[in-house]
Amino acid sequence: MPHKAPSCTALEPFHVLSKILDFANEDQQDWWHSTGPMLAKILQHAGYDIHAQYSYLCLHHKCVVPYLGPYPANGKDRWMSILSRFGLPYELSLNCSNSVVRFAFEPIGPLSGTEQDPFNAHAIWECLEKLAQLGTGMDLQWFGQFKKDLVLSAAETKFVRDNGLDKGQVKTQNKLGVDLKGGKFEVKMYMYPYLKSVATGIPIEQLLFDSVRRVDQDHKLDTPLTILEEYINSHKDKTLSARLLSCDLIDPSRSRVKIYVAEQMVDWAHLEDIWTLGYRRQDPVTIRGMRLLRELWDLLNIPEGLCHFPDGDYLELGSRVHERLPLLANYTLSPNDPYPAPQVYFHSFGVGDAAVADALATFCDRQGWTEMAQSYKDNLFSY
């Protein structure tokens, strides 16, 4: 998306809408004033025109803010989301190469965490209905099947609770992601089958593979899925494990399925193994991508070593972060590529914000993203 000279201040659309829009309660109003300014700024910095800025801020008000739950405060009872180490249910991000703003959130309802919905399985349906009213082309066919396969049923929920199998564990089962582009938006779903695995005794990776095969009725994903299954199974009893699944909520013939893995040993050798699927991928695109990955890895200077997953304990708001987290990666399964396509995520906990910003600005400059390199750090610290 081309960058345009702004004709108004970044926060003008937010301030205008804040005078007009109503809120059902104080929590929603606080969420709007907490998340809205950042969304408004990042939309303008990414080059969205004024009409898109207003449109996406209204989408945020109607379909996101009402589903973020109680506004967080230390000591206040609220649903703790896996999206953040602080349990916050909302995350905003930017695809730098395409200037696409996106956000992820875990829909939370008034019953989330209560006897009626102890593992927050139901609020997502109402949120999706609202999004479907505003968007075109949303398809929930795969969503329904994945939810059946990967999220606790009522009987399984009772079993987990009666046997205390959820103690100290992350309870998030599903969340949504939204990409804002072309004046429209695209919705993705994410599902975490940890609790389903606890209830059924079926390993997480097997739940994921079996569910993909159920939705892939034409067997178009057989080849990449089998390769990924072989790779993950070859790491059993090691430090790599399957974690979650995502897919686009569009016509299944065009939807992408992604399976996510985590690697607890944070070093270049394990990252290279993830990127190449244990050296199964050796094509020129993969090798070039690995060179770029190594360049970014060296710039970020992420501390190496074995990193363990937090055991359901969240950090207090405002606390300093000293812990380090495992590597995360996803593999896109496509009928057009026999090999799963990797994407890697770096957790920068343990590295200062300024150092990360400098590293990313340097990387963008080296890739020829000159404007992004020049503005990235200033924009980041303005949020």
Protein backbone atom coordinates (compact mmCIF):
# COMPACT_ATOMS: atom_id res chain seq x y z
CA MET A 1 0.00 0.00 0.00
CA PRO A 2 1.59 3.34 -1.02
CA HIS A 3 2.37 5.80 1.72
CA LYS A 4 0.57 9.13 1.42
CA ALA A 5 1.15 12.43 3.11
CA PRO A 6 -1.40 12.64 5.94
CA SER A 7 -4.02 15.34 5.65
CA CYS A 8 -4.92 15.19 9.34
CA THR A 9 -3.24 14.30 12.59
CA ALA A 10 -3.05 10.59 13.31
CA LEU A 11 -5.50 10.81 16.20
CA GLU A 12 -8.13 13.04 14.55
CA PRO A 13 -10.40 10.15 13.43
CA PHE A 14 -10.13 8.61 16.89
CA HIS A 15 -11.05 11.88 18.62
CA VAL A 16 -13.99 12.51 16.27
CA LEU A 17 -15.39 9.02 16.83
CA SER A 18 -14.83 9.24 20.59
CA LYS A 19 -17.29 12.15 20.70
CA ILE A 20 -19.94 10.25 18.73
CA LEU A 21 -19.77 6.59 19.72
CA ASP A 22 -21.56 5.11 22.71
CA PHE A 23 -20.26 2.39 25.02
CA ALA A 24 -22.25 -0.23 26.89
CA ASN A 25 -20.16 0.11 30.04
CA GLU A 26 -17.05 1.66 31.54
CA ASP A 27 -14.88 -1.35 30.67
CA GLN A 28 -15.61 -0.95 26.96
CA GLN A 29 -14.96 2.77 27.16
CA ASP A 30 -11.61 2.13 28.85
CA TRP A 31 -10.67 -0.47 26.22
CA TRP A 32 -11.53 1.99 23.44
CA HIS A 33 -9.37 4.74 24.93
CA SER A 34 -6.56 2.28 25.57
CA THR A 35 -6.43 0.51 22.19
CA GLY A 36 -8.02 3.03 19.83
CA PRO A 37 -5.20 5.62 19.72
CA MET A 38 -2.61 2.98 18.88
CA LEU A 39 -4.79 1.54 16.11
CA ALA A 40 -5.43 5.03 14.73
CA LYS A 41 -1.72 5.84 14.64
CA ILE A 42 -0.60 2.59 13.07
CA LEU A 43 -3.29 2.88 10.37
CA GLN A 44 -2.05 6.31 9.37
CA HIS A 45 1.63 5.38 9.60
CA ALA A 46 0.95 2.39 7.33
CA GLY A 47 -0.58 4.67 4.68
CA TYR A 48 -4.29 3.89 5.02
CA ASP A 49 -6.48 6.66 3.58
CA ILE A 50 -8.82 8.64 5.83
CA HIS A 51 -11.89 6.62 4.79
CA ALA A 52 -10.20 3.34 5.73
CA GLN A 53 -9.06 4.81 9.05
CA TYR A 54 -12.63 5.69 10.03
CA SER A 55 -13.99 2.39 8.74
CA TYR A 56 -11.52 0.22 10.65
CA LEU A 57 -11.85 2.24 13.85
CA CYS A 58 -15.62 1.69 13.66
CA LEU A 59 -15.03 -2.03 13.10
CA HIS A 60 -12.84 -2.01 16.20
CA HIS A 61 -15.57 -0.30 18.22
CA LYS A 62 -18.36 -2.62 17.07
CA CYS A 63 -16.70 -6.04 16.85
CA VAL A 64 -13.63 -5.99 19.09
CA VAL A 65 -14.05 -3.65 22.05
CA PRO A 66 -17.27 -5.35 23.28
CA TYR A 67 -15.40 -8.68 23.43
CA LEU A 68 -12.28 -7.75 25.40
CA GLY A 69 -13.86 -8.39 28.80
CA PRO A 70 -13.21 -6.44 32.01
CA TYR A 71 -10.59 -3.73 31.66
CA PRO A 72 -7.44 -5.10 33.31
CA ALA A 73 -6.07 -4.07 36.68
CA ASN A 74 -3.89 -5.98 39.12
CA GLY A 75 -6.09 -7.85 41.59
CA LYS A 76 -9.18 -7.53 39.38
CA ASP A 77 -10.90 -10.77 38.37
CA ARG A 78 -10.72 -11.23 34.60
CA TRP A 79 -10.20 -13.87 31.92
CA MET A 80 -6.47 -14.39 31.35
CA SER A 81 -5.66 -14.80 27.66
CA ILE A 82 -2.72 -16.67 26.15
CA LEU A 83 -2.19 -13.73 23.77
CA SER A 84 0.03 -11.92 26.26
CA ARG A 85 2.20 -12.84 29.22
CA PHE A 86 0.09 -10.28 31.09
CA GLY A 87 -3.12 -12.10 30.14
CA LEU A 88 -4.24 -9.26 27.86
CA PRO A 89 -6.65 -10.41 25.11
CA TYR A 90 -5.59 -8.03 22.30
CA GLU A 91 -2.47 -7.71 20.14
CA LEU A 92 -1.85 -5.24 17.31
CA SER A 93 0.78 -5.76 14.62
CA LEU A 94 1.98 -4.61 11.21
CA ASN A 95 3.10 -6.63 8.19
CA CYS A 96 6.04 -4.43 7.20
CA SER A 97 6.59 -5.71 3.66
CA ASN A 98 2.95 -5.15 2.64
CA SER A 99 1.99 -2.38 5.10
CA VAL A 100 -1.00 -4.39 6.29
CA VAL A 101 -2.29 -3.72 9.79
CA ARG A 102 -3.60 -6.75 11.64
CA PHE A 103 -4.72 -7.61 15.12
CA ALA A 104 -5.47 -10.72 17.11
CA PHE A 105 -7.87 -10.98 20.02
CA GLU A 106 -9.55 -13.58 22.18
CA PRO A 107 -13.30 -12.84 22.32
CA ILE A 108 -14.44 -12.73 25.94
CA GLY A 109 -18.05 -12.70 27.11
CA PRO A 110 -19.78 -12.14 30.47
CA LEU A 111 -19.82 -15.91 31.08
CA SER A 112 -16.14 -16.53 30.23
CA GLY A 113 -14.45 -18.25 33.17
CA THR A 114 -17.74 -18.91 34.98
CA GLU A 115 -19.55 -22.20 35.62
CA GLN A 116 -21.46 -21.74 32.35
CA ASP A 117 -18.32 -21.28 30.22
CA PRO A 118 -15.24 -22.13 32.31
CA PHE A 119 -12.85 -22.35 29.34
CA ASN A 120 -14.23 -19.52 27.18
CA ALA A 121 -15.52 -21.68 24.34
CA HIS A 122 -18.72 -19.77 23.51
CA ALA A 123 -18.07 -16.00 23.22
CA ILE A 124 -16.33 -16.45 19.88
CA TRP A 125 -19.61 -17.42 18.16
CA GLU A 126 -21.38 -14.13 18.91
CA CYS A 127 -18.31 -12.16 17.87
CA LEU A 128 -18.11 -14.03 14.55
CA GLU A 129 -21.78 -13.30 13.88
CA LYS A 130 -21.10 -9.57 14.23
CA LEU A 131 -18.06 -9.75 11.97
CA ALA A 132 -20.04 -11.73 9.38
CA GLN A 133 -22.68 -8.98 9.28
CA LEU A 134 -20.03 -6.44 8.26
CA GLY A 135 -17.78 -8.56 6.06
CA THR A 136 -18.37 -10.41 2.83
CA GLY A 137 -17.22 -13.88 2.01
CA MET A 138 -16.77 -15.21 5.54
CA ASP A 139 -17.20 -18.98 5.62
CA LEU A 140 -17.49 -20.93 8.90
CA GLN A 141 -17.55 -24.44 7.45
CA TRP A 142 -14.01 -25.34 8.52
CA PHE A 143 -14.37 -23.36 11.73
CA GLY A 144 -17.22 -25.59 12.87
CA GLN A 145 -15.28 -28.79 12.20
CA PHE A 146 -12.06 -27.56 13.80
CA LYS A 147 -13.96 -26.35 16.86
CA LYS A 148 -15.63 -29.74 17.23
CA ASP A 149 -12.28 -31.53 16.94
CA LEU A 150 -10.04 -29.23 18.98
CA VAL A 151 -12.18 -27.49 21.63
CA LEU A 152 -13.70 -29.16 24.69
CA SER A 153 -17.27 -30.44 24.46
CA ALA A 154 -19.63 -29.94 27.41
CA ALA A 155 -18.90 -33.47 28.67
CA GLU A 156 -15.14 -33.01 28.30
CA THR A 157 -15.33 -29.66 30.08
CA LYS A 158 -17.01 -31.32 33.05
CA PHE A 159 -14.43 -34.13 33.05
CA VAL A 160 -11.50 -31.70 33.07
CA ARG A 161 -13.01 -29.64 35.88
CA ASP A 162 -14.15 -32.58 38.01
CA ASN A 163 -10.66 -34.07 37.88
CA GLY A 164 -8.76 -30.82 38.38
CA LEU A 165 -6.90 -31.24 35.09
CA ASP A 166 -6.87 -27.51 34.37
CA LYS A 167 -4.92 -26.44 37.44
CA GLY A 168 -2.09 -24.07 36.60
CA GLN A 169 -2.58 -24.51 32.87
CA VAL A 170 -3.31 -22.03 30.10
CA LYS A 171 -7.04 -22.15 29.44
CA THR A 172 -7.36 -20.31 26.11
CA GLN A 173 -8.90 -22.56 23.44
CA ASN A 174 -9.67 -20.17 20.58
CA LYS A 175 -8.98 -16.67 19.33
CA LEU A 176 -9.40 -14.60 16.15
CA GLY A 177 -7.11 -12.62 13.88
CA VAL A 178 -8.18 -9.85 11.50
CA ASP A 179 -6.20 -8.46 8.54
CA LEU A 180 -7.20 -4.97 7.40
CA LYS A 181 -6.62 -4.51 3.69
CA GLY A 182 -8.23 -3.13 0.56
CA GLY A 183 -10.98 -1.39 2.50
CA LYS A 184 -12.18 -4.81 3.69
CA PHE A 185 -11.08 -7.27 6.33
CA GLU A 186 -10.24 -10.96 6.46
CA VAL A 187 -10.75 -13.11 9.55
CA LYS A 188 -8.61 -16.01 10.75
CA MET A 189 -9.25 -18.39 13.61
CA TYR A 190 -6.71 -19.98 15.94
CA MET A 191 -7.36 -23.03 18.12
CA TYR A 192 -5.29 -24.39 21.00
CA PRO A 193 -6.09 -28.08 21.65
CA TYR A 194 -4.10 -28.47 24.88
CA LEU A 195 -7.19 -29.01 27.05
CA LYS A 196 -8.74 -31.27 24.41
CA SER A 197 -5.60 -33.39 24.57
CA VAL A 198 -5.80 -33.54 28.37
CA ALA A 199 -9.45 -34.62 28.23
CA THR A 200 -9.08 -37.24 25.49
CA GLY A 201 -5.56 -38.52 26.06
CA ILE A 202 -4.79 -37.92 22.38
CA PRO A 203 -1.51 -36.05 21.71
CA ILE A 204 -1.87 -32.48 20.45
CA GLU A 205 -0.13 -33.19 17.16
CA GLN A 206 -2.45 -36.13 16.44
CA LEU A 207 -5.53 -34.03 17.15
CA LEU A 208 -4.25 -31.41 14.70
CA PHE A 209 -3.32 -33.84 11.91
CA ASP A 210 -6.58 -35.80 12.21
CA SER A 211 -8.68 -32.63 12.14
CA VAL A 212 -6.95 -31.29 9.02
CA ARG A 213 -7.58 -34.59 7.27
CA ARG A 214 -11.28 -34.38 8.15
CA VAL A 215 -11.71 -30.96 6.54
CA ASP A 216 -9.46 -31.80 3.58
CA GLN A 217 -12.04 -34.03 1.93
CA ASP A 218 -10.42 -33.75 -1.52
CA HIS A 219 -7.02 -34.80 -0.11
CA LYS A 220 -5.33 -31.72 -1.60
CA LEU A 221 -3.18 -31.27 1.50
CA ASP A 222 -2.11 -34.90 1.86
CA THR A 223 1.47 -34.40 0.67
CA PRO A 224 2.50 -31.35 2.77
CA LEU A 225 0.59 -32.67 5.78
CA THR A 226 2.35 -36.03 5.62
CA ILE A 227 5.76 -34.34 5.37
CA LEU A 228 4.98 -32.11 8.36
CA GLU A 229 3.68 -35.08 10.33
CA GLU A 230 6.91 -37.00 9.66
CA TYR A 231 8.99 -33.99 10.71
CA ILE A 232 7.13 -33.36 13.98
CA ASN A 233 6.99 -37.06 14.87
CA SER A 234 10.75 -37.30 14.31
CA HIS A 235 11.15 -34.81 17.16
CA LYS A 236 9.07 -36.69 19.73
CA ASP A 237 10.63 -36.66 23.21
CA LYS A 238 12.73 -33.68 22.11
CA THR A 239 12.26 -29.94 22.60
CA LEU A 240 9.94 -29.29 19.62
CA SER A 241 6.17 -29.72 19.95
CA ALA A 242 2.96 -28.91 18.06
CA ARG A 243 0.90 -26.16 19.73
CA LEU A 244 -2.02 -24.83 17.70
CA LEU A 245 -3.73 -24.47 14.32
CA SER A 246 -5.10 -21.58 12.29
CA CYS A 247 -7.06 -21.13 9.08
CA ASP A 248 -8.66 -18.34 7.05
CA LEU A 249 -12.43 -18.11 7.47
CA ILE A 250 -13.12 -17.93 3.75
CA ASP A 251 -14.20 -20.38 1.06
CA PRO A 252 -12.35 -23.61 1.98
CA SER A 253 -10.99 -23.89 -1.57
CA ARG A 254 -8.94 -20.71 -0.91
CA SER A 255 -8.29 -21.05 2.81
CA ARG A 256 -4.80 -21.55 4.21
CA VAL A 257 -4.23 -23.98 7.05
CA LYS A 258 -1.29 -23.39 9.36
CA ILE A 259 0.07 -25.64 12.08
CA TYR A 260 2.22 -24.01 14.76
CA VAL A 261 5.14 -25.54 16.61
CA ALA A 262 7.29 -24.34 19.49
CA GLU A 263 10.98 -25.07 20.00
CA GLN A 264 12.29 -24.76 23.54
CA MET A 265 15.97 -24.83 22.56
CA VAL A 266 16.62 -21.31 21.32
CA ASP A 267 19.71 -21.30 19.12
CA TRP A 268 20.59 -21.06 15.44
CA ALA A 269 20.95 -24.81 14.87
CA HIS A 270 17.38 -25.50 16.01
CA LEU A 271 16.05 -22.49 14.11
CA GLU A 272 17.71 -23.74 10.93
CA ASP A 273 16.17 -27.16 11.52
CA ILE A 274 12.71 -25.59 11.83
CA TRP A 275 13.17 -23.48 8.71
CA THR A 276 14.28 -26.39 6.52
CA LEU A 277 11.98 -29.04 8.06
CA GLY A 278 14.97 -31.00 9.21
CA TYR A 279 16.76 -30.18 5.92
CA ARG A 280 13.91 -31.60 3.84
CA ARG A 281 13.54 -28.18 2.16
CA GLN A 282 16.65 -27.24 0.17
CA ASP A 283 15.15 -25.21 -2.70
CA PRO A 284 16.60 -21.78 -3.65
CA VAL A 285 13.73 -19.83 -2.04
CA THR A 286 14.21 -21.66 1.26
CA ILE A 287 17.98 -21.13 1.20
CA ARG A 288 17.63 -17.42 0.40
CA GLY A 289 15.06 -17.07 3.18
CA MET A 290 17.45 -18.79 5.58
CA ARG A 291 20.17 -16.25 4.75
CA LEU A 292 17.76 -13.40 5.57
CA LEU A 293 16.70 -15.21 8.71
CA ARG A 294 20.32 -15.53 9.81
CA GLU A 295 20.88 -11.83 9.15
CA LEU A 296 17.92 -10.90 11.35
CA TRP A 297 18.92 -13.44 14.00
CA ASP A 298 22.40 -11.90 14.25
CA LEU A 299 21.00 -8.36 14.42
CA LEU A 300 18.53 -9.18 17.20
CA ASN A 301 21.14 -11.02 19.27
CA ILE A 302 18.49 -13.02 21.13
CA PRO A 303 19.89 -14.85 24.19
CA GLU A 304 20.34 -18.55 23.49
CA GLY A 305 19.57 -21.56 25.64
CA LEU A 306 16.75 -23.81 26.82
CA CYS A 307 13.50 -21.91 27.48
CA HIS A 308 10.59 -23.48 29.33
CA PHE A 309 6.92 -22.64 28.87
CA PRO A 310 5.31 -20.69 31.72
CA ASP A 311 2.99 -23.02 33.65
CA GLY A 312 -0.18 -20.96 33.47
CA ASP A 313 1.18 -18.14 35.64
CA TYR A 314 0.79 -14.66 34.19
CA LEU A 315 2.85 -11.56 34.91
CA GLU A 316 1.50 -8.62 36.86
CA LEU A 317 0.62 -5.54 34.85
CA GLY A 318 3.49 -3.08 34.81
CA SER A 319 6.08 -5.62 35.92
CA ARG A 320 9.45 -5.85 34.21
CA VAL A 321 9.92 -8.85 31.95
CA HIS A 322 13.05 -10.91 32.56
CA GLU A 323 11.96 -14.30 31.28
CA ARG A 324 12.69 -15.78 27.86
CA LEU A 325 10.26 -17.78 25.75
CA PRO A 326 10.68 -20.60 23.20
CA LEU A 327 10.84 -20.07 19.45
CA LEU A 328 7.52 -20.23 17.61
CA ALA A 329 6.95 -21.14 13.96
CA ASN A 330 4.07 -22.04 11.70
CA TYR A 331 3.86 -24.13 8.56
CA THR A 332 1.39 -23.24 5.82
CA LEU A 333 -0.16 -26.25 4.10
CA SER A 334 -0.95 -25.56 0.45
CA PRO A 335 -2.06 -27.82 -2.42
CA ASN A 336 0.34 -25.84 -4.63
CA ASP A 337 3.47 -26.73 -2.65
CA PRO A 338 4.46 -30.26 -1.63
CA TYR A 339 6.44 -28.87 1.30
CA PRO A 340 4.95 -26.93 4.23
CA ALA A 341 6.06 -23.28 4.04
CA PRO A 342 7.69 -22.00 7.27
CA GLN A 343 7.27 -18.71 9.09
CA VAL A 344 9.28 -17.98 12.23
CA TYR A 345 8.46 -15.77 15.22
CA PHE A 346 11.09 -14.33 17.55
CA HIS A 347 10.18 -13.62 21.17
CA SER A 348 12.23 -10.58 22.08
CA PHE A 349 11.69 -10.86 25.85
CA GLY A 350 15.05 -10.33 27.50
CA VAL A 351 16.15 -7.87 24.80
CA GLY A 352 15.60 -4.11 25.25
CA ASP A 353 12.94 -2.40 23.11
CA ALA A 354 15.42 0.12 21.71
CA ALA A 355 17.83 -2.63 20.69
CA VAL A 356 15.04 -4.54 18.93
CA ALA A 357 13.88 -1.38 17.14
CA ASP A 358 17.42 -0.59 15.98
CA ALA A 359 17.88 -4.14 14.71
CA LEU A 360 14.62 -4.11 12.75
CA ALA A 361 15.30 -0.67 11.29
CA THR A 362 18.73 -1.86 10.12
CA PHE A 363 17.21 -5.00 8.62
CA CYS A 364 14.52 -2.99 6.77
CA ASP A 365 17.17 -0.64 5.39
CA ARG A 366 19.22 -3.56 4.09
CA GLN A 367 16.17 -4.98 2.31
CA GLY A 368 15.49 -1.67 0.56
CA TRP A 369 12.47 -0.74 2.68
CA THR A 370 13.91 2.74 3.07
CA GLU A 371 10.85 4.60 4.30
CA MET A 372 10.04 1.88 6.82
CA ALA A 373 13.64 1.90 8.05
CA GLN A 374 13.61 5.67 8.52
CA SER A 375 10.27 5.88 10.31
CA TYR A 376 10.02 2.56 12.18
CA LYS A 377 11.68 3.51 15.44
CA ASP A 378 10.01 6.93 15.76
CA ASN A 379 6.61 5.42 14.97
CA LEU A 380 7.12 2.56 17.42
CA PHE A 381 7.96 4.78 20.36
CA SER A 382 5.07 7.15 19.59
CA TYR A 383 2.49 4.46 20.43
